């Protein structure tokens, strides 16, 4: 069974968040919205504007208000 589009997008956003957390813990890189958008852009294969919108949509789906 092929995963749903929403599941794939959610997983890509989760992957981006884990990348940012790992870089913060291991490399001491500060956690910023810009860093999260950049990572999400890569994992989603999307523009930074689209990645930012997707981040907010996924966050809101988990009951977290917009990340801005």
N, C-alpha and C. Protein backbone atom coordinates (compact mmCIF):
# COMPACT_ATOMS: atom_id res chain seq x y z
N UNK A 1 0.84 -1.17 0.00
CA UNK A 1 0.00 0.00 0.00
C UNK A 1 0.89 1.25 0.00
N UNK A 2 0.58 2.16 -0.86
CA UNK A 2 1.35 3.40 -0.99
C UNK A 2 0.90 4.40 0.07
N UNK A 3 1.87 5.11 0.71
CA UNK A 3 1.50 6.08 1.74
C UNK A 3 0.71 7.24 1.14
N UNK A 4 -0.15 7.83 1.96
CA UNK A 4 -0.93 8.99 1.54
C UNK A 4 -0.02 10.19 1.39
N UNK A 5 -0.40 11.08 0.51
CA UNK A 5 0.37 12.30 0.27
C UNK A 5 0.59 13.08 1.56
N UNK A 6 -0.45 13.19 2.38
CA UNK A 6 -0.33 13.94 3.64
C UNK A 6 0.68 13.28 4.57
N UNK A 7 0.72 11.95 4.58
CA UNK A 7 1.68 11.24 5.43
C UNK A 7 3.11 11.51 4.97
N UNK A 8 3.31 11.52 3.67
CA UNK A 8 4.65 11.78 3.12
C UNK A 8 5.10 13.19 3.48
N UNK A 9 4.21 14.15 3.36
CA UNK A 9 4.54 15.55 3.69
C UNK A 9 4.84 15.69 5.18
N UNK A 10 4.00 15.06 6.02
CA UNK A 10 4.22 15.12 7.46
C UNK A 10 5.57 14.49 7.82
N UNK A 11 5.88 13.36 7.21
CA UNK A 11 7.16 12.70 7.48
C UNK A 11 8.34 13.56 7.03
N UNK A 12 8.19 14.27 5.92
CA UNK A 12 9.27 15.15 5.45
C UNK A 12 9.48 16.31 6.43
N UNK A 13 8.40 16.84 6.97
CA UNK A 13 8.51 17.92 7.95
C UNK A 13 9.15 17.39 9.23
N UNK A 14 8.76 16.19 9.66
CA UNK A 14 9.36 15.59 10.86
C UNK A 14 10.86 15.36 10.65
N UNK A 15 11.22 14.90 9.47
CA UNK A 15 12.63 14.69 9.15
C UNK A 15 13.40 16.00 9.24
N UNK A 16 12.83 17.06 8.69
CA UNK A 16 13.48 18.37 8.76
C UNK A 16 13.67 18.80 10.20
N UNK A 17 12.65 18.61 11.03
CA UNK A 17 12.76 19.00 12.44
C UNK A 17 13.86 18.20 13.14
N UNK A 18 13.93 16.92 12.85
CA UNK A 18 14.98 16.09 13.47
C UNK A 18 16.37 16.50 13.00
N UNK A 19 16.49 16.89 11.74
CA UNK A 19 17.78 17.36 11.24
C UNK A 19 18.22 18.61 12.00
N UNK A 20 17.28 19.53 12.19
CA UNK A 20 17.59 20.78 12.90
C UNK A 20 17.94 20.49 14.36
N UNK A 21 17.20 19.61 15.00
CA UNK A 21 17.49 19.25 16.39
C UNK A 21 18.86 18.60 16.50
N UNK A 22 19.17 17.69 15.60
CA UNK A 22 20.47 17.01 15.61
C UNK A 22 21.61 18.02 15.46
N UNK A 23 21.46 18.94 14.51
CA UNK A 23 22.50 19.94 14.31
C UNK A 23 22.68 20.81 15.55
N UNK A 24 21.59 21.10 16.23
CA UNK A 24 21.67 21.90 17.46
C UNK A 24 22.41 21.13 18.55
N UNK A 25 22.07 19.87 18.72
CA UNK A 25 22.67 19.07 19.80
C UNK A 25 24.12 18.70 19.52
N UNK A 26 24.40 18.30 18.29
CA UNK A 26 25.73 17.78 17.96
C UNK A 26 26.69 18.89 17.54
N UNK A 27 26.19 19.84 16.75
CA UNK A 27 27.07 20.86 16.17
C UNK A 27 26.94 22.22 16.85
N UNK A 28 25.96 22.36 17.73
CA UNK A 28 25.77 23.63 18.41
C UNK A 28 25.16 24.72 17.54
N UNK A 29 24.55 24.33 16.42
CA UNK A 29 23.91 25.30 15.53
C UNK A 29 22.60 25.76 16.17
N UNK A 30 22.36 27.06 16.25
CA UNK A 30 21.11 27.54 16.86
C UNK A 30 19.88 27.07 16.07
N UNK A 31 18.82 26.80 16.78
CA UNK A 31 17.55 26.44 16.15
C UNK A 31 16.84 27.72 15.77
N UNK A 32 16.59 27.89 14.48
CA UNK A 32 15.89 29.07 13.98
C UNK A 32 14.82 28.65 12.99
N UNK A 33 13.86 29.52 12.81
CA UNK A 33 12.83 29.26 11.81
C UNK A 33 13.47 29.14 10.42
N UNK A 34 14.43 30.00 10.15
CA UNK A 34 15.08 29.98 8.85
C UNK A 34 15.77 28.63 8.60
N UNK A 35 16.43 28.11 9.64
CA UNK A 35 17.08 26.81 9.51
C UNK A 35 16.08 25.69 9.29
N UNK A 36 14.96 25.78 9.98
CA UNK A 36 13.92 24.76 9.82
C UNK A 36 13.29 24.84 8.43
N UNK A 37 13.05 26.04 7.95
CA UNK A 37 12.50 26.21 6.60
C UNK A 37 13.47 25.68 5.55
N UNK A 38 14.76 25.96 5.74
CA UNK A 38 15.76 25.47 4.79
C UNK A 38 15.79 23.94 4.76
N UNK A 39 15.79 23.32 5.94
CA UNK A 39 15.79 21.86 6.01
C UNK A 39 14.51 21.29 5.41
N UNK A 40 13.38 21.91 5.71
CA UNK A 40 12.10 21.44 5.16
C UNK A 40 12.06 21.60 3.65
N UNK A 41 12.63 22.66 3.15
CA UNK A 41 12.68 22.88 1.71
C UNK A 41 13.41 21.72 1.02
N UNK A 42 14.49 21.28 1.65
CA UNK A 42 15.27 20.17 1.08
C UNK A 42 14.50 18.86 1.17
N UNK A 43 13.95 18.56 2.37
CA UNK A 43 13.27 17.27 2.54
C UNK A 43 11.96 17.20 1.76
N UNK A 44 11.32 18.35 1.56
CA UNK A 44 10.08 18.37 0.79
C UNK A 44 10.33 18.50 -0.72
N UNK A 45 11.52 18.94 -1.08
CA UNK A 45 11.79 19.22 -2.48
C UNK A 45 10.93 20.37 -2.98
N UNK A 46 10.81 21.39 -2.12
CA UNK A 46 9.91 22.51 -2.42
C UNK A 46 10.66 23.82 -2.23
N UNK A 47 10.03 24.90 -2.70
CA UNK A 47 10.61 26.22 -2.47
C UNK A 47 10.54 26.53 -0.98
N UNK A 48 11.30 27.51 -0.56
CA UNK A 48 11.27 27.88 0.86
C UNK A 48 9.91 28.45 1.26
N UNK A 49 9.25 29.16 0.37
CA UNK A 49 7.91 29.67 0.68
C UNK A 49 6.92 28.52 0.88
N UNK A 50 6.97 27.53 -0.02
CA UNK A 50 6.08 26.37 0.11
C UNK A 50 6.42 25.56 1.35
N UNK A 51 7.70 25.41 1.64
CA UNK A 51 8.13 24.66 2.82
C UNK A 51 7.64 25.36 4.09
N UNK A 52 7.73 26.68 4.12
CA UNK A 52 7.26 27.44 5.28
C UNK A 52 5.77 27.21 5.51
N UNK A 53 5.00 27.24 4.45
CA UNK A 53 3.56 27.01 4.55
C UNK A 53 3.27 25.59 5.02
N UNK A 54 4.02 24.63 4.52
CA UNK A 54 3.83 23.23 4.91
C UNK A 54 4.19 23.03 6.39
N UNK A 55 5.27 23.67 6.84
CA UNK A 55 5.65 23.60 8.26
C UNK A 55 4.51 24.10 9.14
N UNK A 56 3.95 25.24 8.79
CA UNK A 56 2.86 25.80 9.57
C UNK A 56 1.64 24.89 9.55
N UNK A 57 1.32 24.32 8.39
CA UNK A 57 0.15 23.44 8.28
C UNK A 57 0.32 22.20 9.14
N UNK A 58 1.51 21.59 9.10
CA UNK A 58 1.75 20.40 9.91
C UNK A 58 1.72 20.76 11.39
N UNK A 59 2.36 21.86 11.76
CA UNK A 59 2.37 22.28 13.17
C UNK A 59 0.93 22.49 13.67
N UNK A 60 0.13 23.16 12.88
CA UNK A 60 -1.26 23.41 13.27
C UNK A 60 -2.04 22.11 13.37
N UNK A 61 -1.72 21.13 12.52
CA UNK A 61 -2.36 19.82 12.60
C UNK A 61 -2.08 19.11 13.91
N UNK A 62 -0.95 19.45 14.54
CA UNK A 62 -0.60 18.89 15.84
C UNK A 62 -1.03 19.80 16.99
N UNK A 63 -1.74 20.87 16.66
CA UNK A 63 -2.22 21.77 17.70
C UNK A 63 -1.20 22.81 18.13
N UNK A 64 -0.15 22.99 17.34
CA UNK A 64 0.86 24.00 17.62
C UNK A 64 0.56 25.20 16.74
N UNK A 65 0.48 26.38 17.34
CA UNK A 65 0.16 27.56 16.55
C UNK A 65 1.29 27.81 15.55
N UNK A 66 1.04 28.67 14.61
CA UNK A 66 2.01 28.99 13.56
C UNK A 66 3.37 29.27 14.17
N UNK A 67 4.40 28.91 13.45
CA UNK A 67 5.76 29.01 13.96
C UNK A 67 6.38 30.39 13.76
N UNK A 68 5.59 31.36 13.35
CA UNK A 68 6.13 32.71 13.16
C UNK A 68 5.98 33.51 14.41
